[in-house]
């Protein structure tokens, strides 16, 4: 082996070792199965909810048709994950990043709860700010400016131009 090939090999091994140190440990097959079960339950709940809304017909789709299609996809993928996921090595153990994901989900749920009660302006502003400042680690100034600008743009587009009846403060 030439000196260049040896140097390249040593560099590749060093890079692999560095990447291995940065990655959280593998969560294991039970985590894959747990994720598949949670996704399956969400898919089954979506199926039940969309059927309650009514599917309609292909020529006249009901309000539950697209949620039904998405729920079928989620359910099928959860079954595939349950069957094949135990061999995967790309799952990670819970860490601080997992908490950030939970914060994102909780903030979306709060957004959905607050939207019909107080309108879209304040929940949208808070959601954008929280995601930018705390999840995205943006500066305070850019978080405020981008949040206000985004809500103003959505207001102008959806309320003023398209005249969509969104729940609003005013």
N, C-alpha and C. Protein backbone atom coordinates (compact mmCIF):
# COMPACT_ATOMS: atom_id res chain seq x y z
N UNK A 1 0.85 -1.17 0.00
CA UNK A 1 0.00 0.00 0.00
C UNK A 1 0.91 1.24 0.00
N UNK A 2 0.54 2.19 -0.85
CA UNK A 2 1.36 3.39 -0.96
C UNK A 2 1.12 4.31 0.24
N UNK A 3 2.00 5.27 0.36
CA UNK A 3 1.90 6.22 1.47
C UNK A 3 0.63 7.06 1.36
N UNK A 4 0.25 7.41 0.12
CA UNK A 4 -0.98 8.19 -0.08
C UNK A 4 -2.21 7.39 0.33
N UNK A 5 -2.24 6.11 -0.02
CA UNK A 5 -3.37 5.27 0.33
C UNK A 5 -3.45 5.08 1.84
N UNK A 6 -2.30 4.93 2.48
CA UNK A 6 -2.27 4.79 3.94
C UNK A 6 -2.77 6.05 4.62
N UNK A 7 -2.35 7.21 4.11
CA UNK A 7 -2.78 8.48 4.69
C UNK A 7 -4.28 8.67 4.51
N UNK A 8 -4.79 8.30 3.32
CA UNK A 8 -6.21 8.41 3.07
C UNK A 8 -7.00 7.49 4.00
N UNK A 9 -6.52 6.28 4.18
CA UNK A 9 -7.18 5.32 5.06
C UNK A 9 -7.18 5.82 6.51
N UNK A 10 -6.07 6.37 6.95
CA UNK A 10 -5.98 6.90 8.30
C UNK A 10 -6.94 8.08 8.49
N UNK A 11 -7.05 8.93 7.47
CA UNK A 11 -7.99 10.05 7.54
C UNK A 11 -9.43 9.56 7.62
N UNK A 12 -9.77 8.53 6.83
CA UNK A 12 -11.12 7.98 6.84
C UNK A 12 -11.45 7.36 8.20
N UNK A 13 -10.50 6.64 8.78
CA UNK A 13 -10.72 6.04 10.10
C UNK A 13 -10.90 7.11 11.17
N UNK A 14 -10.11 8.18 11.09
CA UNK A 14 -10.23 9.27 12.05
C UNK A 14 -11.60 9.95 11.92
N UNK A 15 -12.06 10.11 10.66
CA UNK A 15 -13.36 10.72 10.43
C UNK A 15 -14.48 9.84 10.98
N UNK A 16 -14.39 8.52 10.75
CA UNK A 16 -15.40 7.60 11.28
C UNK A 16 -15.42 7.63 12.81
N UNK A 17 -14.25 7.67 13.43
CA UNK A 17 -14.19 7.71 14.89
C UNK A 17 -14.80 9.01 15.41
N UNK A 18 -14.53 10.13 14.72
CA UNK A 18 -15.08 11.41 15.15
C UNK A 18 -16.60 11.43 15.00
N UNK A 19 -17.11 10.88 13.91
CA UNK A 19 -18.55 10.83 13.70
C UNK A 19 -19.22 9.91 14.72
N UNK A 20 -18.57 8.83 15.07
CA UNK A 20 -19.13 7.89 16.04
C UNK A 20 -19.23 8.55 17.42
N UNK A 21 -18.30 9.42 17.74
CA UNK A 21 -18.34 10.10 19.04
C UNK A 21 -19.48 11.11 19.10
N UNK A 22 -19.82 11.74 17.97
CA UNK A 22 -20.86 12.76 17.95
C UNK A 22 -22.26 12.19 17.95
N UNK A 23 -22.42 10.95 17.53
CA UNK A 23 -23.74 10.33 17.46
C UNK A 23 -24.17 9.80 18.81
N UNK A 24 -25.44 10.02 19.15
CA UNK A 24 -25.96 9.39 20.37
C UNK A 24 -25.99 7.87 20.20
N UNK A 25 -26.02 7.13 21.28
CA UNK A 25 -26.06 5.68 21.16
C UNK A 25 -27.35 5.19 20.52
N UNK A 26 -27.26 4.01 19.90
CA UNK A 26 -28.40 3.39 19.23
C UNK A 26 -29.46 3.01 20.27
N UNK A 27 -30.74 3.25 19.95
CA UNK A 27 -31.81 3.00 20.90
C UNK A 27 -32.22 1.53 20.96
N UNK A 28 -32.05 0.80 19.90
CA UNK A 28 -32.37 -0.62 19.93
C UNK A 28 -33.71 -0.95 19.30
N UNK A 29 -33.97 -2.26 19.15
CA UNK A 29 -35.18 -2.70 18.45
C UNK A 29 -36.47 -2.40 19.19
N UNK A 30 -36.44 -2.33 20.51
CA UNK A 30 -37.67 -2.03 21.26
C UNK A 30 -38.14 -0.61 21.01
N UNK A 31 -37.21 0.29 20.78
CA UNK A 31 -37.59 1.67 20.45
C UNK A 31 -38.28 1.73 19.10
N UNK A 32 -37.76 0.96 18.14
CA UNK A 32 -38.39 0.90 16.82
C UNK A 32 -39.82 0.36 16.95
N UNK A 33 -39.98 -0.70 17.73
CA UNK A 33 -41.31 -1.28 17.91
C UNK A 33 -42.24 -0.30 18.62
N UNK A 34 -41.72 0.39 19.62
CA UNK A 34 -42.53 1.40 20.33
C UNK A 34 -42.97 2.51 19.39
N UNK A 35 -42.06 2.98 18.55
CA UNK A 35 -42.40 4.03 17.59
C UNK A 35 -43.46 3.53 16.61
N UNK A 36 -43.33 2.27 16.20
CA UNK A 36 -44.31 1.69 15.27
C UNK A 36 -45.69 1.60 15.93
N UNK A 37 -45.72 1.24 17.20
CA UNK A 37 -47.01 1.13 17.91
C UNK A 37 -47.65 2.51 18.07
N UNK A 38 -46.86 3.51 18.45
CA UNK A 38 -47.40 4.87 18.60
C UNK A 38 -47.92 5.38 17.26
N UNK A 39 -47.14 5.20 16.20
CA UNK A 39 -47.58 5.65 14.87
C UNK A 39 -48.83 4.89 14.44
N UNK A 40 -48.89 3.60 14.75
CA UNK A 40 -50.07 2.81 14.40
C UNK A 40 -51.31 3.29 15.13
N UNK A 41 -51.16 3.64 16.40
CA UNK A 41 -52.30 4.17 17.17
C UNK A 41 -52.76 5.52 16.61
N UNK A 42 -51.82 6.35 16.24
CA UNK A 42 -52.17 7.64 15.63
C UNK A 42 -52.89 7.41 14.30
N UNK A 43 -52.37 6.48 13.50
CA UNK A 43 -53.03 6.16 12.23
C UNK A 43 -54.43 5.61 12.43
N UNK A 44 -54.60 4.71 13.41
CA UNK A 44 -55.92 4.14 13.68
C UNK A 44 -56.88 5.22 14.18
N UNK A 45 -56.39 6.12 15.02
CA UNK A 45 -57.23 7.23 15.47
C UNK A 45 -57.64 8.13 14.31
N UNK A 46 -56.71 8.37 13.40
CA UNK A 46 -57.03 9.17 12.21
C UNK A 46 -58.04 8.48 11.32
N UNK A 47 -57.93 7.16 11.20
CA UNK A 47 -58.90 6.40 10.42
C UNK A 47 -60.30 6.54 11.02
N UNK A 48 -60.41 6.37 12.33
CA UNK A 48 -61.70 6.48 12.99
C UNK A 48 -62.27 7.89 12.85
N UNK A 49 -61.44 8.88 13.07
CA UNK A 49 -61.91 10.26 12.96
C UNK A 49 -62.33 10.64 11.56
N UNK A 50 -61.59 10.17 10.56
CA UNK A 50 -61.94 10.52 9.18
C UNK A 50 -63.21 9.80 8.74
N UNK A 51 -63.41 8.56 9.22
CA UNK A 51 -64.66 7.86 8.90
C UNK A 51 -65.85 8.57 9.54
N UNK A 52 -65.66 9.12 10.74
CA UNK A 52 -66.73 9.86 11.41
C UNK A 52 -67.09 11.13 10.64
N UNK A 53 -66.10 11.72 9.97
CA UNK A 53 -66.36 12.92 9.17
C UNK A 53 -67.11 12.59 7.88
N UNK A 54 -66.92 11.38 7.40
CA UNK A 54 -67.55 10.98 6.14
C UNK A 54 -66.58 11.07 4.98
N UNK A 55 -66.47 9.98 4.23
CA UNK A 55 -65.54 9.95 3.10
C UNK A 55 -66.13 10.53 1.83
N UNK A 56 -67.44 10.46 1.68
CA UNK A 56 -68.06 10.93 0.45
C UNK A 56 -67.80 9.95 -0.67
N UNK A 57 -67.75 10.46 -1.89
CA UNK A 57 -67.45 9.66 -3.07
C UNK A 57 -66.30 10.31 -3.80
N UNK A 58 -65.70 9.59 -4.74
CA UNK A 58 -64.57 10.17 -5.47
C UNK A 58 -64.99 11.40 -6.27
N UNK A 59 -66.23 11.40 -6.78
CA UNK A 59 -66.69 12.57 -7.53
C UNK A 59 -67.12 13.71 -6.62
N UNK A 60 -67.51 13.37 -5.37
CA UNK A 60 -67.86 14.37 -4.37
C UNK A 60 -67.24 13.98 -3.05
N UNK A 61 -65.95 14.27 -2.89
CA UNK A 61 -65.26 13.84 -1.67
C UNK A 61 -65.81 14.54 -0.43
N UNK A 62 -65.89 13.77 0.65
CA UNK A 62 -66.32 14.32 1.92
C UNK A 62 -65.13 14.88 2.69
N UNK A 63 -65.38 15.50 3.82
CA UNK A 63 -64.30 16.14 4.59
C UNK A 63 -63.31 15.13 5.17
N UNK A 64 -63.68 13.86 5.26
CA UNK A 64 -62.77 12.87 5.84
C UNK A 64 -61.93 12.11 4.83
N UNK A 65 -62.09 12.40 3.54
CA UNK A 65 -61.38 11.60 2.53
C UNK A 65 -59.87 11.74 2.62
N UNK A 66 -59.35 12.96 2.60
CA UNK A 66 -57.89 13.12 2.64
C UNK A 66 -57.29 12.74 3.99
N UNK A 67 -57.95 13.06 5.09
CA UNK A 67 -57.42 12.54 6.36
C UNK A 67 -57.41 11.00 6.38
N UNK A 68 -58.39 10.38 5.72
CA UNK A 68 -58.44 8.92 5.65
C UNK A 68 -57.24 8.39 4.86
N UNK A 69 -56.95 9.02 3.72
CA UNK A 69 -55.81 8.59 2.90
C UNK A 69 -54.51 8.72 3.68
N UNK A 70 -54.32 9.85 4.34
CA UNK A 70 -53.10 10.06 5.12
C UNK A 70 -53.01 9.05 6.26
N UNK A 71 -54.13 8.78 6.91
CA UNK A 71 -54.15 7.82 8.01
C UNK A 71 -53.84 6.41 7.55
N UNK A 72 -54.30 6.04 6.36
CA UNK A 72 -53.96 4.74 5.80
C UNK A 72 -52.46 4.64 5.57
N UNK A 73 -51.87 5.69 5.02
CA UNK A 73 -50.42 5.70 4.77
C UNK A 73 -49.67 5.58 6.10
N UNK A 74 -50.06 6.34 7.11
CA UNK A 74 -49.39 6.28 8.41
C UNK A 74 -49.51 4.88 9.01
N UNK A 75 -50.70 4.30 8.92
CA UNK A 75 -50.91 2.96 9.48
C UNK A 75 -50.08 1.91 8.75
N UNK A 76 -50.07 1.96 7.43
CA UNK A 76 -49.28 0.99 6.65
C UNK A 76 -47.79 1.15 6.96
N UNK A 77 -47.31 2.38 7.03
CA UNK A 77 -45.90 2.59 7.33
C UNK A 77 -45.55 2.14 8.75
N UNK A 78 -46.49 2.27 9.67
CA UNK A 78 -46.20 1.80 11.03
C UNK A 78 -46.10 0.28 11.06
N UNK A 79 -46.91 -0.41 10.27
CA UNK A 79 -46.80 -1.87 10.18
C UNK A 79 -45.46 -2.26 9.56
N UNK A 80 -45.06 -1.55 8.51
CA UNK A 80 -43.75 -1.83 7.89
C UNK A 80 -42.64 -1.60 8.89
N UNK A 81 -42.71 -0.52 9.66
CA UNK A 81 -41.70 -0.25 10.68
C UNK A 81 -41.67 -1.35 11.74
N UNK A 82 -42.84 -1.83 12.15
CA UNK A 82 -42.89 -2.89 13.16
C UNK A 82 -42.25 -4.18 12.63
N UNK A 83 -42.42 -4.44 11.34
CA UNK A 83 -41.88 -5.68 10.77
C UNK A 83 -40.40 -5.59 10.44
N UNK A 84 -39.94 -4.43 10.02
CA UNK A 84 -38.55 -4.31 9.55
C UNK A 84 -37.68 -3.46 10.46
N UNK A 85 -38.27 -2.69 11.35
CA UNK A 85 -37.52 -1.72 12.14
C UNK A 85 -36.53 -2.30 13.12
N UNK A 86 -36.75 -3.51 13.57
CA UNK A 86 -35.84 -4.06 14.59
C UNK A 86 -34.44 -4.27 14.05
N UNK A 87 -34.28 -4.26 12.74
CA UNK A 87 -32.96 -4.43 12.14
C UNK A 87 -32.27 -3.10 11.87
N UNK A 88 -32.98 -2.00 12.05
CA UNK A 88 -32.41 -0.69 11.77
C UNK A 88 -31.44 -0.25 12.86
N UNK A 89 -30.49 0.54 12.46
CA UNK A 89 -29.51 1.07 13.42
C UNK A 89 -29.50 2.59 13.44
N UNK A 90 -30.52 3.21 12.85
CA UNK A 90 -30.52 4.66 12.76
C UNK A 90 -31.35 5.35 13.84
N UNK A 91 -31.83 4.59 14.81
CA UNK A 91 -32.56 5.22 15.91
C UNK A 91 -31.59 5.67 16.99
N UNK A 92 -31.98 6.69 17.71
CA UNK A 92 -31.12 7.22 18.76
C UNK A 92 -31.85 7.16 20.10
N UNK A 93 -31.09 6.99 21.17
CA UNK A 93 -31.67 7.04 22.50
C UNK A 93 -32.18 8.44 22.78
N UNK A 94 -33.14 8.53 23.71
CA UNK A 94 -33.68 9.83 24.07
C UNK A 94 -32.57 10.70 24.64
N UNK A 95 -32.59 11.97 24.24
CA UNK A 95 -31.57 12.93 24.67
C UNK A 95 -32.22 14.31 24.75
N UNK A 96 -31.40 15.32 24.89
CA UNK A 96 -31.90 16.70 24.92
C UNK A 96 -32.62 17.04 23.62
N UNK A 97 -32.15 16.51 22.50
CA UNK A 97 -32.81 16.75 21.22
C UNK A 97 -34.23 16.18 21.21
N UNK A 98 -34.43 15.09 21.94
CA UNK A 98 -35.77 14.50 22.03
C UNK A 98 -36.72 15.45 22.76
N UNK A 99 -36.22 16.14 23.74
CA UNK A 99 -37.03 17.11 24.48
C UNK A 99 -37.44 18.26 23.56
N UNK A 100 -36.54 18.69 22.70
CA UNK A 100 -36.86 19.76 21.75
C UNK A 100 -37.97 19.33 20.80
N UNK A 101 -37.95 18.08 20.39
CA UNK A 101 -39.02 17.57 19.54
C UNK A 101 -40.34 17.56 20.29
N UNK A 102 -40.32 17.18 21.54
CA UNK A 102 -41.54 17.18 22.36
C UNK A 102 -42.07 18.60 22.53
N UNK A 103 -41.17 19.57 22.72
CA UNK A 103 -41.59 20.97 22.84
C UNK A 103 -42.26 21.43 21.54
N UNK A 104 -41.72 21.01 20.40
CA UNK A 104 -42.31 21.38 19.12
C UNK A 104 -43.72 20.80 18.98
N UNK A 105 -43.90 19.56 19.37
CA UNK A 105 -45.22 18.93 19.28
C UNK A 105 -46.21 19.61 20.22
N UNK A 106 -45.79 19.86 21.45
CA UNK A 106 -46.67 20.52 22.42
C UNK A 106 -47.04 21.92 21.94
N UNK A 107 -46.10 22.64 21.36
CA UNK A 107 -46.41 23.99 20.87
C UNK A 107 -47.41 23.93 19.72
N UNK A 108 -47.35 22.91 18.87
CA UNK A 108 -48.34 22.77 17.80
C UNK A 108 -49.73 22.45 18.36
N UNK A 109 -49.77 21.62 19.39
CA UNK A 109 -51.05 21.30 20.03
C UNK A 109 -51.65 22.55 20.66
N UNK A 110 -50.83 23.32 21.37
CA UNK A 110 -51.31 24.57 21.97
C UNK A 110 -51.80 25.54 20.90
N UNK A 111 -51.10 25.59 19.78
CA UNK A 111 -51.51 26.44 18.66
C UNK A 111 -52.91 26.03 18.19
N UNK A 112 -53.11 24.72 18.02
CA UNK A 112 -54.41 24.22 17.55
C UNK A 112 -55.53 24.51 18.55
N UNK A 113 -55.21 24.45 19.85
CA UNK A 113 -56.22 24.72 20.88
C UNK A 113 -56.54 26.21 20.95
N UNK A 114 -55.53 27.06 20.86
CA UNK A 114 -55.74 28.50 20.99
C UNK A 114 -56.32 29.15 19.75
N UNK A 115 -56.08 28.58 18.58
CA UNK A 115 -56.50 29.20 17.32
C UNK A 115 -57.99 29.53 17.28
N UNK A 116 -58.90 28.60 17.56
CA UNK A 116 -60.32 28.98 17.50
C UNK A 116 -60.77 29.89 18.65
N UNK A 117 -60.00 29.91 19.75
CA UNK A 117 -60.41 30.68 20.92
C UNK A 117 -60.02 32.15 20.80
N UNK A 118 -58.79 32.43 20.41
CA UNK A 118 -58.32 33.83 20.38
C UNK A 118 -57.87 34.29 18.99
N UNK A 119 -58.14 33.51 17.96
CA UNK A 119 -57.77 33.92 16.62
C UNK A 119 -56.40 33.40 16.24
N UNK A 120 -56.01 33.67 15.02
CA UNK A 120 -54.75 33.11 14.55
C UNK A 120 -53.54 34.01 14.81
N UNK A 121 -53.75 35.28 15.09
CA UNK A 121 -52.62 36.20 15.19
C UNK A 121 -51.69 35.88 16.36
N UNK A 122 -52.22 35.82 17.57
CA UNK A 122 -51.37 35.60 18.76
C UNK A 122 -50.77 34.19 18.77
N UNK A 123 -51.56 33.13 18.54
CA UNK A 123 -50.95 31.80 18.51
C UNK A 123 -49.88 31.66 17.42
N UNK A 124 -50.12 32.24 16.26
CA UNK A 124 -49.14 32.16 15.18
C UNK A 124 -47.86 32.91 15.55
N UNK A 125 -48.03 34.07 16.15
CA UNK A 125 -46.88 34.85 16.58
C UNK A 125 -46.07 34.09 17.63
N UNK A 126 -46.76 33.52 18.62
CA UNK A 126 -46.07 32.76 19.67
C UNK A 126 -45.39 31.50 19.11
N UNK A 127 -46.07 30.80 18.23
CA UNK A 127 -45.50 29.59 17.64
C UNK A 127 -44.24 29.91 16.86
N UNK A 128 -44.31 30.92 16.00
CA UNK A 128 -43.13 31.30 15.21
C UNK A 128 -41.99 31.74 16.12
N UNK A 129 -42.31 32.53 17.14
CA UNK A 129 -41.27 33.01 18.04
C UNK A 129 -40.60 31.86 18.80
N UNK A 130 -41.41 30.97 19.37
CA UNK A 130 -40.86 29.84 20.13
C UNK A 130 -39.99 28.96 19.24
N UNK A 131 -40.46 28.69 18.04
CA UNK A 131 -39.68 27.83 17.15
C UNK A 131 -38.38 28.51 16.73
N UNK A 132 -38.45 29.80 16.43
CA UNK A 132 -37.23 30.50 16.01
C UNK A 132 -36.24 30.67 17.16
N UNK A 133 -36.72 31.18 18.30
CA UNK A 133 -35.82 31.53 19.40
C UNK A 133 -35.32 30.31 20.17
N UNK A 134 -36.22 29.44 20.55
CA UNK A 134 -35.84 28.36 21.46
C UNK A 134 -35.48 27.06 20.73
N UNK A 135 -36.15 26.77 19.64
CA UNK A 135 -35.81 25.55 18.91
C UNK A 135 -34.74 25.81 17.85
N UNK A 136 -34.82 26.97 17.22
CA UNK A 136 -33.86 27.31 16.16
C UNK A 136 -32.65 28.08 16.64
N UNK A 137 -32.65 28.52 17.89
CA UNK A 137 -31.53 29.26 18.49
C UNK A 137 -31.20 30.56 17.75
N UNK A 138 -32.23 31.20 17.20
CA UNK A 138 -32.04 32.49 16.55
C UNK A 138 -31.91 33.57 17.62
N UNK A 139 -31.42 34.73 17.23
CA UNK A 139 -31.29 35.83 18.19
C UNK A 139 -32.67 36.36 18.54
N UNK A 140 -32.74 37.10 19.65
CA UNK A 140 -34.01 37.66 20.09
C UNK A 140 -34.56 38.60 19.02
N UNK A 141 -33.70 39.46 18.48
CA UNK A 141 -34.15 40.44 17.50
C UNK A 141 -34.68 39.76 16.24
N UNK A 142 -33.93 38.83 15.68
CA UNK A 142 -34.40 38.18 14.45
C UNK A 142 -35.65 37.35 14.72
N UNK A 143 -35.77 36.75 15.89
CA UNK A 143 -36.97 35.98 16.22
C UNK A 143 -38.20 36.87 16.25
N UNK A 144 -38.07 38.05 16.88
CA UNK A 144 -39.20 38.98 16.95
C UNK A 144 -39.55 39.51 15.57
N UNK A 145 -38.54 39.95 14.82
CA UNK A 145 -38.78 40.54 13.50
C UNK A 145 -39.40 39.52 12.54
N UNK A 146 -38.85 38.33 12.50
CA UNK A 146 -39.36 37.30 11.57
C UNK A 146 -40.76 36.85 11.99
N UNK A 147 -41.00 36.71 13.28
CA UNK A 147 -42.32 36.29 13.75
C UNK A 147 -43.39 37.31 13.37
N UNK A 148 -43.12 38.57 13.67
CA UNK A 148 -44.08 39.64 13.35
C UNK A 148 -44.27 39.74 11.84
N UNK A 149 -43.18 39.68 11.10
CA UNK A 149 -43.27 39.75 9.64
C UNK A 149 -44.05 38.60 9.03
N UNK A 150 -43.85 37.41 9.57
CA UNK A 150 -44.56 36.23 9.06
C UNK A 150 -46.05 36.34 9.32
N UNK A 151 -46.43 36.72 10.53
CA UNK A 151 -47.86 36.86 10.86
C UNK A 151 -48.48 37.98 10.03
N UNK A 152 -47.78 39.07 9.84
CA UNK A 152 -48.30 40.16 9.02
C UNK A 152 -48.48 39.71 7.57
N UNK A 153 -47.53 38.96 7.05
CA UNK A 153 -47.64 38.46 5.68
C UNK A 153 -48.82 37.50 5.54
N UNK A 154 -48.98 36.59 6.51
CA UNK A 154 -50.12 35.66 6.47
C UNK A 154 -51.44 36.42 6.57
N UNK A 155 -51.48 37.44 7.43
CA UNK A 155 -52.69 38.24 7.56
C UNK A 155 -53.03 38.90 6.23
N UNK A 156 -52.02 39.53 5.62
CA UNK A 156 -52.26 40.21 4.35
C UNK A 156 -52.70 39.23 3.26
N UNK A 157 -52.06 38.09 3.20
CA UNK A 157 -52.37 37.12 2.15
C UNK A 157 -53.74 36.47 2.36
N UNK A 158 -53.93 35.87 3.53
CA UNK A 158 -55.13 35.06 3.74
C UNK A 158 -56.36 35.89 4.10
N UNK A 159 -56.21 36.92 4.91
CA UNK A 159 -57.37 37.69 5.36
C UNK A 159 -57.71 38.80 4.37
N UNK A 160 -56.73 39.59 3.97
CA UNK A 160 -57.02 40.73 3.12
C UNK A 160 -57.15 40.35 1.65
N UNK A 161 -56.19 39.60 1.11
CA UNK A 161 -56.22 39.30 -0.32
C UNK A 161 -57.17 38.15 -0.67
N UNK A 162 -57.05 37.03 0.01
CA UNK A 162 -57.87 35.87 -0.33
C UNK A 162 -59.20 35.84 0.41
N UNK A 163 -59.35 36.70 1.40
CA UNK A 163 -60.57 36.83 2.20
C UNK A 163 -61.04 35.48 2.76
N UNK A 164 -60.08 34.73 3.32
CA UNK A 164 -60.38 33.45 3.98
C UNK A 164 -60.85 33.75 5.39
N UNK A 165 -61.96 33.17 5.80
CA UNK A 165 -62.50 33.49 7.13
C UNK A 165 -61.75 32.76 8.26
N UNK A 166 -60.56 33.23 8.57
CA UNK A 166 -59.78 32.67 9.67
C UNK A 166 -60.30 33.24 10.99
N UNK A 167 -60.20 32.48 12.08
CA UNK A 167 -60.54 33.06 13.38
C UNK A 167 -59.55 34.20 13.69
N UNK A 168 -60.10 35.39 14.00
CA UNK A 168 -59.23 36.56 14.23
C UNK A 168 -59.62 37.28 15.50
N UNK A 169 -58.68 38.10 15.96
CA UNK A 169 -58.94 38.95 17.12
C UNK A 169 -59.97 40.02 16.79
N UNK A 170 -59.81 40.59 15.63
CA UNK A 170 -60.65 41.76 15.25
C UNK A 170 -61.69 41.34 14.22
